Every structure is written in structure tokens, then in C-alpha cells.
N, C-alpha and C. Protein backbone atom coordinates (compact mmCIF):
# COMPACT_ATOMS: atom_id res chain seq x y z
N MET A 1 71.28 66.01 -69.00
CA MET A 1 72.13 65.20 -68.39
C MET A 1 73.61 65.30 -68.83
N LYS A 2 74.63 65.36 -67.97
CA LYS A 2 75.95 65.44 -68.68
C LYS A 2 76.38 64.18 -69.15
N LYS A 3 77.41 64.22 -70.09
CA LYS A 3 77.77 63.08 -70.78
C LYS A 3 78.33 62.03 -69.88
N TRP A 4 79.19 62.43 -68.80
CA TRP A 4 79.61 61.29 -67.89
C TRP A 4 78.63 60.62 -67.08
N ALA A 5 77.47 61.43 -66.80
CA ALA A 5 76.42 60.71 -65.95
C ALA A 5 75.65 59.85 -66.98
N ALA A 6 75.53 60.15 -68.18
CA ALA A 6 75.03 59.22 -69.17
C ALA A 6 75.76 57.86 -69.30
N PHE A 7 77.15 58.08 -69.40
CA PHE A 7 77.94 56.86 -69.33
C PHE A 7 77.80 56.05 -68.06
N LEU A 8 77.88 56.62 -66.89
CA LEU A 8 77.56 55.97 -65.71
C LEU A 8 76.24 55.22 -65.63
N ALA A 9 75.26 55.83 -66.14
CA ALA A 9 73.80 55.15 -66.24
C ALA A 9 73.92 53.97 -67.21
N ILE A 10 74.72 54.00 -68.27
CA ILE A 10 74.74 52.87 -69.19
C ILE A 10 75.53 51.76 -68.46
N VAL A 11 76.66 52.18 -67.79
CA VAL A 11 77.46 50.99 -67.17
C VAL A 11 76.51 50.37 -66.09
N MET A 12 75.64 51.02 -65.37
CA MET A 12 74.84 50.44 -64.28
C MET A 12 73.66 49.61 -64.88
N LEU A 13 73.15 50.21 -65.92
CA LEU A 13 72.07 49.58 -66.59
C LEU A 13 72.43 48.29 -67.14
N GLY A 14 73.69 48.33 -67.81
CA GLY A 14 74.32 47.07 -68.29
C GLY A 14 74.39 46.07 -67.27
N GLU A 15 74.89 46.38 -66.16
CA GLU A 15 74.98 45.36 -64.98
C GLU A 15 73.71 44.97 -64.47
N ALA A 16 72.73 45.71 -64.42
CA ALA A 16 71.57 45.35 -64.08
C ALA A 16 70.75 44.44 -65.03
N ILE A 17 71.06 44.69 -66.41
CA ILE A 17 70.27 43.70 -67.27
C ILE A 17 71.04 42.24 -67.38
N PHE A 18 72.39 42.21 -67.41
CA PHE A 18 73.13 41.09 -67.47
C PHE A 18 73.58 40.41 -66.29
N SER A 19 72.99 40.71 -65.12
CA SER A 19 73.37 39.90 -64.00
C SER A 19 72.28 39.86 -63.00
N ALA A 20 72.41 39.15 -62.05
CA ALA A 20 71.26 38.64 -61.13
C ALA A 20 71.00 39.85 -60.25
N PRO A 21 71.93 40.51 -59.51
CA PRO A 21 71.42 41.55 -58.59
C PRO A 21 70.69 42.70 -59.25
N GLN A 22 69.71 43.04 -58.90
CA GLN A 22 68.97 44.20 -59.45
C GLN A 22 69.47 45.48 -58.97
N THR A 23 69.94 46.38 -59.80
CA THR A 23 70.53 47.74 -59.40
C THR A 23 69.61 48.84 -59.86
N GLU A 24 69.55 49.82 -58.88
CA GLU A 24 68.66 51.07 -59.31
C GLU A 24 69.57 52.35 -58.97
N LEU A 25 69.77 53.01 -60.01
CA LEU A 25 70.44 54.41 -59.71
C LEU A 25 69.62 55.51 -58.99
N ILE A 26 69.91 55.72 -57.79
CA ILE A 26 69.14 56.72 -57.09
C ILE A 26 69.55 58.20 -57.34
N SER A 27 70.80 58.32 -57.26
CA SER A 27 71.16 59.71 -57.63
C SER A 27 72.55 59.68 -58.06
N ASP A 28 72.97 60.77 -58.88
CA ASP A 28 74.45 60.82 -59.47
C ASP A 28 74.76 62.21 -59.76
N ASP A 29 75.89 62.77 -59.27
CA ASP A 29 76.32 64.09 -59.75
C ASP A 29 77.85 63.90 -59.62
N GLU A 30 78.66 65.15 -59.69
CA GLU A 30 80.03 65.20 -59.93
C GLU A 30 80.69 64.58 -58.62
N ASN A 31 80.06 64.53 -57.38
CA ASN A 31 80.72 64.30 -56.23
C ASN A 31 80.14 62.96 -55.60
N LEU A 32 78.99 62.51 -55.89
CA LEU A 32 78.43 61.35 -55.23
C LEU A 32 77.36 60.51 -56.17
N THR A 33 77.59 59.15 -56.12
CA THR A 33 76.66 58.32 -56.78
C THR A 33 76.03 57.34 -55.72
N VAL A 34 74.72 57.34 -55.85
CA VAL A 34 73.97 56.52 -54.68
C VAL A 34 73.26 55.43 -55.63
N PHE A 35 73.24 54.19 -55.20
CA PHE A 35 72.43 53.20 -55.97
C PHE A 35 71.94 52.16 -54.79
N GLU A 36 71.09 51.37 -55.34
CA GLU A 36 70.35 50.39 -54.48
C GLU A 36 70.62 49.13 -55.10
N VAL A 37 70.94 48.13 -54.35
CA VAL A 37 71.07 46.65 -54.91
C VAL A 37 70.05 45.85 -54.22
N ARG A 38 69.42 44.91 -54.96
CA ARG A 38 68.72 43.95 -54.36
C ARG A 38 68.99 42.59 -54.79
N TRP A 39 69.12 41.69 -53.90
CA TRP A 39 69.68 40.37 -54.21
C TRP A 39 68.56 39.34 -54.04
N ASP A 40 68.58 38.22 -54.76
CA ASP A 40 67.84 37.14 -54.48
C ASP A 40 68.28 36.24 -53.31
N GLU A 41 67.39 35.33 -52.90
CA GLU A 41 67.93 34.51 -51.75
C GLU A 41 69.05 33.48 -52.18
N PRO A 42 70.18 33.42 -51.49
CA PRO A 42 71.19 32.60 -51.85
C PRO A 42 70.78 31.05 -51.74
N LYS A 43 71.49 30.26 -52.47
CA LYS A 43 71.24 28.87 -52.24
C LYS A 43 72.56 28.37 -51.36
N PHE A 44 72.05 27.36 -50.41
CA PHE A 44 73.02 26.85 -49.55
C PHE A 44 73.16 25.37 -49.84
N VAL A 45 74.34 24.86 -50.24
CA VAL A 45 74.55 23.63 -50.90
C VAL A 45 75.45 22.77 -49.74
N PRO A 46 74.87 21.69 -49.23
CA PRO A 46 75.79 20.99 -48.19
C PRO A 46 77.10 20.62 -48.70
N VAL A 47 78.10 20.67 -47.82
CA VAL A 47 79.42 20.32 -48.37
C VAL A 47 80.05 19.10 -47.63
N ASN A 48 80.34 19.41 -46.28
CA ASN A 48 80.88 18.44 -45.57
C ASN A 48 80.45 18.67 -44.12
N GLY A 49 79.75 17.63 -43.58
CA GLY A 49 79.34 17.87 -42.02
C GLY A 49 78.26 18.97 -42.05
N ASP A 50 78.59 20.03 -41.20
CA ASP A 50 77.46 21.08 -40.97
C ASP A 50 77.84 22.38 -41.90
N THR A 51 78.71 22.21 -42.78
CA THR A 51 79.13 23.33 -43.56
C THR A 51 78.35 23.41 -44.93
N VAL A 52 78.20 24.64 -45.54
CA VAL A 52 77.48 24.84 -46.79
C VAL A 52 78.32 25.57 -47.69
N CYS A 53 78.17 25.51 -49.03
CA CYS A 53 78.71 26.37 -50.07
C CYS A 53 77.64 27.46 -50.33
N ILE A 54 77.92 28.66 -50.36
CA ILE A 54 76.90 29.64 -50.58
C ILE A 54 76.89 30.07 -52.18
N ILE A 55 75.80 30.07 -52.69
CA ILE A 55 75.70 30.31 -54.17
C ILE A 55 74.65 31.38 -54.25
N LEU A 56 75.18 32.59 -54.86
CA LEU A 56 74.30 33.65 -55.08
C LEU A 56 74.49 34.13 -56.43
N ASP A 57 73.41 34.23 -57.39
CA ASP A 57 73.68 34.50 -58.83
C ASP A 57 74.24 35.82 -58.89
N GLY A 58 75.13 35.92 -59.77
CA GLY A 58 75.95 37.13 -60.16
C GLY A 58 76.99 37.55 -59.16
N CYS A 59 77.33 36.59 -58.24
CA CYS A 59 78.36 36.74 -57.23
C CYS A 59 79.45 35.74 -57.36
N GLY A 60 80.52 36.14 -57.00
CA GLY A 60 81.73 35.13 -56.85
C GLY A 60 82.27 34.86 -55.65
N PRO A 61 83.11 33.95 -55.34
CA PRO A 61 83.64 33.64 -54.06
C PRO A 61 84.55 34.78 -53.51
N ARG A 62 84.45 34.94 -52.20
CA ARG A 62 85.34 35.94 -51.38
C ARG A 62 85.80 35.25 -50.03
N GLY A 63 87.08 35.48 -49.80
CA GLY A 63 87.50 34.96 -48.44
C GLY A 63 88.94 34.53 -48.66
N GLU A 64 89.59 34.12 -47.59
CA GLU A 64 90.94 33.85 -47.62
C GLU A 64 91.20 32.24 -47.25
N ASP A 65 92.26 31.66 -47.61
CA ASP A 65 92.44 30.20 -47.37
C ASP A 65 92.06 29.80 -46.02
N GLY A 66 91.25 28.90 -45.74
CA GLY A 66 90.78 28.33 -44.54
C GLY A 66 89.67 29.11 -43.80
N ALA A 67 89.47 30.34 -44.34
CA ALA A 67 88.48 31.20 -43.63
C ALA A 67 87.00 30.80 -44.33
N PRO A 68 85.87 31.26 -43.76
CA PRO A 68 84.59 31.03 -44.30
C PRO A 68 84.60 31.85 -45.89
N GLN A 69 84.02 30.69 -46.62
CA GLN A 69 83.96 31.13 -48.07
C GLN A 69 82.65 31.81 -48.33
N LEU A 70 82.70 33.17 -48.41
CA LEU A 70 81.36 34.01 -48.56
C LEU A 70 81.30 34.23 -50.12
N VAL A 71 80.42 35.17 -50.53
CA VAL A 71 80.22 35.51 -51.96
C VAL A 71 80.25 37.06 -52.10
N GLY A 72 80.54 37.73 -53.13
CA GLY A 72 80.43 39.13 -53.50
C GLY A 72 80.45 39.53 -54.77
N ARG A 73 80.22 40.65 -54.86
CA ARG A 73 80.04 41.24 -56.45
C ARG A 73 80.58 42.66 -56.40
N ALA A 74 81.46 42.88 -57.46
CA ALA A 74 81.99 44.23 -57.77
C ALA A 74 81.08 44.98 -58.62
N PHE A 75 80.69 46.22 -58.36
CA PHE A 75 79.93 47.01 -59.25
C PHE A 75 80.85 48.18 -59.73
N ASN A 76 80.76 48.42 -61.08
CA ASN A 76 81.80 49.49 -61.71
C ASN A 76 81.21 50.78 -61.62
N ILE A 77 81.99 51.75 -61.17
CA ILE A 77 81.39 53.23 -61.19
C ILE A 77 82.53 54.03 -61.79
N ALA A 78 82.06 54.81 -62.81
CA ALA A 78 82.96 55.70 -63.42
C ALA A 78 83.01 57.04 -62.53
N VAL A 79 84.23 57.46 -62.38
CA VAL A 79 84.54 58.59 -61.47
C VAL A 79 85.54 59.57 -62.14
N PRO A 80 85.66 60.93 -61.67
CA PRO A 80 86.56 61.79 -62.04
C PRO A 80 88.01 61.20 -61.85
N ARG A 81 88.83 61.57 -62.77
CA ARG A 81 90.21 61.05 -62.69
C ARG A 81 90.95 61.57 -61.42
N ASP A 82 90.72 62.68 -60.95
CA ASP A 82 91.55 63.20 -59.76
C ASP A 82 90.68 63.05 -58.58
N SER A 83 89.54 62.10 -58.36
CA SER A 83 88.82 62.11 -57.21
C SER A 83 89.44 61.28 -56.13
N ARG A 84 89.19 61.43 -54.93
CA ARG A 84 89.48 60.44 -53.84
C ARG A 84 88.19 59.82 -53.54
N VAL A 85 88.26 58.46 -53.87
CA VAL A 85 87.03 57.66 -53.73
C VAL A 85 86.69 56.94 -52.58
N SER A 86 85.53 56.99 -51.86
CA SER A 86 85.17 56.11 -50.67
C SER A 86 83.79 55.59 -50.94
N ALA A 87 83.54 54.53 -50.32
CA ALA A 87 82.09 53.78 -50.55
C ALA A 87 81.64 53.48 -49.18
N ARG A 88 80.38 53.42 -48.90
CA ARG A 88 79.74 53.24 -47.66
C ARG A 88 78.37 52.49 -47.95
N ILE A 89 77.90 51.69 -47.03
CA ILE A 89 76.55 51.24 -46.98
C ILE A 89 75.68 52.06 -46.12
N ASP A 90 74.65 52.89 -46.82
CA ASP A 90 73.98 53.71 -45.83
C ASP A 90 72.73 52.91 -45.25
N GLU A 91 72.11 52.00 -45.89
CA GLU A 91 70.96 51.27 -45.51
C GLU A 91 71.09 49.83 -45.87
N VAL A 92 70.58 48.98 -45.04
CA VAL A 92 70.64 47.42 -45.45
C VAL A 92 69.49 46.82 -44.77
N ARG A 93 68.85 45.89 -45.60
CA ARG A 93 67.68 45.00 -45.04
C ARG A 93 68.12 43.75 -44.96
N TRP A 94 68.51 43.05 -43.90
CA TRP A 94 69.01 41.76 -43.66
C TRP A 94 67.89 40.59 -43.59
N SER A 95 68.35 39.45 -44.02
CA SER A 95 67.50 38.28 -43.63
C SER A 95 67.65 38.10 -42.14
N GLU A 96 66.89 37.10 -41.75
CA GLU A 96 67.05 36.60 -40.45
C GLU A 96 68.36 35.66 -40.32
N TRP A 97 68.81 35.45 -39.09
CA TRP A 97 70.01 34.55 -39.16
C TRP A 97 69.61 33.13 -39.40
N LEU A 98 70.50 32.45 -40.30
CA LEU A 98 70.26 31.08 -40.63
C LEU A 98 71.34 30.31 -39.98
N SER A 99 71.09 29.09 -39.30
CA SER A 99 71.99 28.35 -38.70
C SER A 99 72.95 27.48 -39.67
N TYR A 100 73.64 28.12 -40.44
CA TYR A 100 74.56 27.54 -41.30
C TYR A 100 76.03 27.99 -41.01
N VAL A 101 76.88 27.20 -41.34
CA VAL A 101 78.32 27.56 -41.23
C VAL A 101 78.81 27.48 -42.72
N PRO A 102 79.43 28.50 -43.27
CA PRO A 102 80.14 28.55 -44.56
C PRO A 102 81.23 27.44 -44.63
N ALA A 103 81.36 26.84 -45.73
CA ALA A 103 82.50 25.92 -45.96
C ALA A 103 83.80 26.91 -46.09
N PRO A 104 84.89 26.22 -45.63
CA PRO A 104 86.07 27.01 -45.81
C PRO A 104 86.51 27.26 -47.22
N MET A 105 87.27 28.44 -47.45
CA MET A 105 87.79 28.89 -48.75
C MET A 105 88.87 27.80 -49.14
N PRO A 106 88.89 27.10 -50.27
CA PRO A 106 89.94 26.23 -50.61
C PRO A 106 91.27 26.94 -51.05
N GLU A 107 92.37 26.38 -50.93
CA GLU A 107 93.64 26.81 -51.35
C GLU A 107 93.62 26.89 -52.85
N LYS A 108 93.14 25.64 -53.35
CA LYS A 108 93.09 25.49 -54.92
C LYS A 108 91.54 25.29 -55.17
N TRP A 109 91.00 25.60 -56.38
CA TRP A 109 89.61 25.34 -56.63
C TRP A 109 89.27 23.86 -56.74
N SER A 110 90.30 22.96 -57.01
CA SER A 110 90.01 21.71 -57.27
C SER A 110 89.98 20.73 -55.98
N GLU A 111 90.15 21.55 -54.76
CA GLU A 111 90.27 20.75 -53.64
C GLU A 111 89.21 21.38 -52.70
N ARG A 112 88.91 20.73 -51.50
CA ARG A 112 87.99 21.23 -50.51
C ARG A 112 89.01 22.02 -49.54
N GLY A 113 88.31 23.12 -48.95
CA GLY A 113 89.09 23.91 -47.97
C GLY A 113 89.14 23.13 -46.74
N ILE A 114 90.34 23.52 -46.01
CA ILE A 114 90.60 22.96 -44.67
C ILE A 114 90.21 24.16 -43.75
N PRO A 115 89.29 23.97 -42.69
CA PRO A 115 89.02 25.17 -41.84
C PRO A 115 90.04 25.50 -41.01
N ALA A 116 90.39 26.78 -40.70
CA ALA A 116 91.30 27.29 -39.81
C ALA A 116 90.34 27.80 -38.76
N SER A 117 90.53 27.31 -37.56
CA SER A 117 89.65 27.43 -36.45
C SER A 117 89.72 29.10 -36.06
N GLU A 118 90.90 29.67 -36.10
CA GLU A 118 91.08 31.01 -35.74
C GLU A 118 90.45 32.02 -36.71
N ARG A 119 90.09 31.52 -37.91
CA ARG A 119 89.54 32.38 -38.98
C ARG A 119 87.96 32.25 -38.82
N TYR A 120 87.44 31.34 -38.10
CA TYR A 120 86.07 31.09 -37.96
C TYR A 120 85.63 31.65 -36.40
N SER A 121 86.60 32.17 -35.62
CA SER A 121 86.15 32.69 -34.51
C SER A 121 85.70 34.14 -34.31
N HIS A 122 85.54 34.81 -35.38
CA HIS A 122 85.13 36.18 -35.66
C HIS A 122 84.26 36.41 -36.71
N PRO A 123 83.40 37.26 -36.71
CA PRO A 123 82.46 37.59 -37.94
C PRO A 123 83.29 37.97 -39.13
N ALA A 124 82.63 37.63 -40.29
CA ALA A 124 83.24 37.88 -41.60
C ALA A 124 82.16 38.26 -42.47
N GLY A 125 82.55 39.09 -43.63
CA GLY A 125 81.57 39.53 -44.74
C GLY A 125 80.72 40.65 -44.24
N GLY A 126 79.74 40.89 -45.12
CA GLY A 126 78.64 41.84 -44.90
C GLY A 126 79.16 43.15 -44.93
N GLY A 127 80.29 43.43 -45.83
CA GLY A 127 80.77 44.71 -46.07
C GLY A 127 80.99 45.21 -47.48
N ILE A 128 81.79 46.36 -47.50
CA ILE A 128 82.05 46.98 -48.89
C ILE A 128 83.43 47.53 -48.79
N LYS A 129 84.11 47.58 -49.89
CA LYS A 129 85.36 48.13 -50.10
C LYS A 129 85.66 48.44 -51.60
N ILE A 130 86.64 49.26 -51.87
CA ILE A 130 87.04 49.50 -53.30
C ILE A 130 88.03 48.45 -53.64
N ALA A 131 87.56 47.47 -54.62
CA ALA A 131 88.40 46.44 -54.93
C ALA A 131 89.45 46.77 -55.89
N TYR A 132 89.24 47.60 -56.80
CA TYR A 132 90.14 48.00 -57.90
C TYR A 132 89.91 49.50 -58.49
N ASP A 133 90.95 50.10 -58.95
CA ASP A 133 90.84 51.34 -59.53
C ASP A 133 91.56 51.34 -60.89
N GLN A 134 90.92 51.37 -62.06
CA GLN A 134 91.47 51.19 -63.26
C GLN A 134 91.05 52.27 -64.34
N ILE A 135 91.88 52.27 -65.34
CA ILE A 135 91.41 53.11 -66.58
C ILE A 135 90.90 52.21 -67.66
N TRP A 136 89.67 52.49 -68.15
CA TRP A 136 89.11 51.58 -69.11
C TRP A 136 88.94 52.69 -70.36
N ARG A 137 89.73 52.46 -71.48
CA ARG A 137 89.58 53.33 -72.55
C ARG A 137 89.45 54.68 -72.19
N GLY A 138 90.33 55.22 -71.38
CA GLY A 138 90.40 56.52 -70.81
C GLY A 138 89.41 57.08 -69.80
N VAL A 139 88.71 56.08 -69.32
CA VAL A 139 87.70 56.36 -68.29
C VAL A 139 88.13 55.81 -66.94
N ARG A 140 88.20 56.43 -65.89
CA ARG A 140 88.63 55.93 -64.58
C ARG A 140 87.42 55.16 -63.93
N VAL A 141 87.55 53.80 -63.70
CA VAL A 141 86.49 53.07 -63.25
C VAL A 141 86.97 52.30 -61.96
N VAL A 142 86.21 52.56 -60.92
CA VAL A 142 86.50 51.83 -59.63
C VAL A 142 85.50 50.63 -59.44
N GLY A 143 85.94 49.57 -58.83
CA GLY A 143 85.09 48.47 -58.56
C GLY A 143 84.62 48.56 -57.03
N VAL A 144 83.41 48.67 -56.91
CA VAL A 144 82.97 48.75 -55.54
C VAL A 144 82.45 47.29 -55.21
N ASP A 145 83.15 46.54 -54.33
CA ASP A 145 82.91 45.27 -53.92
C ASP A 145 82.12 45.14 -52.87
N ILE A 146 80.96 44.59 -52.89
CA ILE A 146 79.99 44.34 -51.81
C ILE A 146 79.87 42.73 -51.47
N ILE A 147 80.11 42.56 -50.26
CA ILE A 147 79.90 41.02 -49.63
C ILE A 147 78.52 41.06 -48.92
N PRO A 148 77.49 40.64 -49.77
CA PRO A 148 76.11 40.67 -49.17
C PRO A 148 75.81 39.41 -48.16
N VAL A 149 76.71 38.78 -47.83
CA VAL A 149 76.50 37.63 -46.87
C VAL A 149 77.54 37.88 -45.70
N GLU A 150 76.95 37.62 -44.45
CA GLU A 150 77.75 37.85 -43.26
C GLU A 150 77.62 36.62 -42.55
N TYR A 151 78.73 36.11 -41.92
CA TYR A 151 78.70 34.97 -41.01
C TYR A 151 79.35 35.41 -39.61
N SER A 152 78.55 34.94 -38.64
CA SER A 152 78.94 35.24 -37.25
C SER A 152 78.88 34.08 -36.42
N PRO A 153 80.11 33.71 -35.77
CA PRO A 153 80.10 32.59 -34.95
C PRO A 153 78.87 32.54 -33.87
N GLY A 154 78.38 31.26 -33.69
CA GLY A 154 77.08 31.31 -32.70
C GLY A 154 75.86 31.68 -33.36
N LYS A 155 75.88 32.53 -34.40
CA LYS A 155 74.63 32.88 -34.99
C LYS A 155 74.28 32.21 -36.23
N GLY A 156 75.47 31.99 -37.12
CA GLY A 156 75.28 31.60 -38.39
C GLY A 156 75.48 32.54 -39.66
N ILE A 157 74.49 32.49 -40.70
CA ILE A 157 74.69 33.30 -41.80
C ILE A 157 73.36 34.09 -41.93
N ARG A 158 73.68 35.24 -42.38
CA ARG A 158 72.47 36.12 -42.83
C ARG A 158 72.98 36.79 -44.20
N TYR A 159 72.02 37.32 -44.88
CA TYR A 159 72.34 37.85 -46.28
C TYR A 159 71.60 39.19 -46.33
N MET A 160 72.04 40.13 -47.20
CA MET A 160 71.37 41.34 -47.49
C MET A 160 70.27 40.94 -48.58
N LYS A 161 69.11 41.50 -48.23
CA LYS A 161 68.18 41.52 -49.10
C LYS A 161 68.14 42.55 -50.10
N SER A 162 68.71 43.78 -49.60
CA SER A 162 68.82 45.09 -50.39
C SER A 162 69.90 45.87 -49.56
N ALA A 163 70.49 46.81 -50.14
CA ALA A 163 71.36 47.77 -49.69
C ALA A 163 71.42 49.00 -50.50
N VAL A 164 71.55 50.25 -49.76
CA VAL A 164 71.73 51.48 -50.43
C VAL A 164 73.06 51.86 -50.20
N VAL A 165 73.76 52.10 -51.47
CA VAL A 165 75.35 52.30 -51.33
C VAL A 165 75.52 53.71 -51.91
N SER A 166 76.51 54.50 -51.17
CA SER A 166 76.94 55.72 -51.68
C SER A 166 78.32 55.55 -51.90
N VAL A 167 78.74 56.15 -53.08
CA VAL A 167 80.26 56.34 -53.53
C VAL A 167 80.49 57.87 -53.63
N GLU A 168 81.36 58.15 -52.79
CA GLU A 168 81.90 59.46 -52.80
C GLU A 168 83.08 59.59 -53.79
N HIS A 169 83.05 60.57 -54.71
CA HIS A 169 84.06 60.77 -55.65
C HIS A 169 84.29 62.24 -55.92
N PRO A 170 84.49 63.14 -55.00
CA PRO A 170 84.80 64.56 -55.22
C PRO A 170 86.09 64.74 -56.06
N GLY A 171 85.93 65.50 -57.09
CA GLY A 171 87.20 65.87 -57.93
C GLY A 171 86.72 66.81 -59.10
N SER A 172 87.69 67.41 -59.59
CA SER A 172 87.32 68.49 -60.50
C SER A 172 87.48 68.12 -61.94
N ALA A 173 88.32 66.99 -62.41
CA ALA A 173 88.69 66.58 -63.55
C ALA A 173 87.42 65.95 -64.08
N PRO A 174 87.34 65.89 -65.54
CA PRO A 174 86.20 65.14 -66.09
C PRO A 174 86.46 63.75 -66.01
N ILE A 175 85.43 62.92 -66.24
CA ILE A 175 85.53 61.45 -66.18
C ILE A 175 86.50 61.01 -67.44
N TYR A 176 86.10 61.64 -68.55
CA TYR A 176 87.07 61.10 -69.58
C TYR A 176 87.45 62.55 -70.44
N ASP A 177 88.52 62.32 -71.32
CA ASP A 177 88.90 63.38 -72.07
C ASP A 177 88.42 63.33 -73.41
N LEU A 178 87.77 64.51 -73.73
CA LEU A 178 87.09 64.47 -75.15
C LEU A 178 88.01 64.92 -76.24
N HIS A 179 89.35 65.15 -75.93
CA HIS A 179 90.33 65.65 -77.00
C HIS A 179 91.03 64.54 -77.54
């Protein structure tokens, strides 16, 4: 096993041990990292009227002011320094739709959010993106942010039970400099 692959395995193993989502590395090479994430069932706490606050262990709030407050989690992946990184969800196992409406994201954490009707008129969540790209002690690390909860008007909320994620990172530079 190459040294950078060992480093990646340690990062992902640490995330799996110290957080709620269970993560399994499926494959890893110089160009592609594939892993599976399995989530527990979220908790839905009544907030106001028919809205709920979504709580999912290991995840934090996602959303914009007045929009549905969903939850997400960033997974750290070490990649070659010169790579062009992209991420996608290859497979997903969804729950059934639940007739909940997520509470609106507050402007300040000490307040309740005020729903903006235009932000509740279209689906939100259930996706993936590169949230950050940083250097940690000489190693390039990208944060692959997954929002495992989706809201759809008229349907409600559903959540990912599991997802297989591919992170493409073709590049020729090593992950870290040994000199």
C-alpha cells in the first residue's frame, strides 16, 4: 500500500470511529476514492406548527436564512496537490417519504427562523459538493459535503440510509512532500 493511501485510510478510519455515520472505504488509488456511508435514522423534533428540526448524529445544519434547515456532513479526503477534484453519489438507498416540513434556517442561532415561502417552493438537499479545499500540514485535503436529507414540497422529507460516493482526483503530484 502506498504511503498516501495509508494516510487516507487513517483519516477515513478516524472519521468512522469518532462519528456517527459509518464509513467504509471501498477502493482507493491515485485517481479515484470510493467509499460508502451509512447513516442512522434522524430524529425529528417538533418546532412550531407542522415544522420539525432534523437531528442526525455526526451532522451539522445546512441551509440558507429562511430556507429549509437540513443537515450534512463533510468527509475529509487527501488528494494529490495538482488534481482536479470532483465528487458524485453513485448509489443511494433512500427512506420512504415522511410527511414532515423542516423548520426554517434561522439568521442567528439564538432565534427561530422565519420561513421564506419562495425557498420552500422547490426541493432542497439530498446532494453532494466540495465544501473546502485546504492544506493540512503539507497535505491537500478536500471536504466532501453530503446532505443526506432531502425536502420536497408536497412529499415531505426523506433521508439517505446509505450512499456510495466517488471522489475523482486525477493528478500526478504526490499527496505530500517527503523532503
